Amino acid sequence: MKIRYNAPVVLNYTLIAVLVLLLNPLFGGNLISSWFVVPGRGYFNTGSIISYLRLFSHIAGHISWEHLLGNFAIILLVGPILEEKYGSFSLLVMILITALVTGILNTLLFQGALLGASGVAFMMILLAPFTNTKNGEIPLTFILIIALYIVKEVFQSFQSNDIAEFAHIAGGFCGSIFGFIKQRHRIKELEVIIDS
């Protein structure tokens, strides 16, 4: 038996996030705050290229090892399945779109800064039930995940804490959209094969 690099996007993403957290102390604790945090409403510098980069890079920055491990436990569990099902390029695009959506929403709507992979984790959680659906089906697991995870996030968003529940909700919304889009794409592929 040999070890296989089975999910390059998920594994590389994980390694980047770990590396960022490891290197942060070498930069006086300023690496993450300078390059991997999306500022809140009113603090986005439209004249800075770094500000636009942070709309994507914030998903690799984490405040602590506990924060990183909480997010990547989910990503490493669900991500390889999604990468095998949808392909590395598609998963990378979905991750980047989720990062952009959560980053833009934060700069437009919220005062606090945003960092971490929780939006991506929730995108994967809501996308996962679509991996084994058939034509026109809505997986019951998808509905239960919405009931258990997303509803909980909505209620928690009214509490005072340092957690960006909106990023979880936005990530879950992205995962849902991707799931329905991918399902429709598979249906069209089947129709082409059947009509041939």
Foldseek 3Di string as FASTA:
>chain_A
DDDDPQAVLLVVLLVLLVVQVVCCVVVVNCSCVQQQKAAAAPPQDPVDPSNVNNLQRLASYDPDPVQSCVQSVLCVVQVSLCCVQPNNVVLVVLSRVLSNVLSVCRHHPHRGMGHHNLLQSLLSCLQRVLSDDAPPDDDPSNVVCCVPPVVVLVVCVPPDDPDPSVSSNSSNVSSNVVSVVVNVVVVVVVVVVVVD
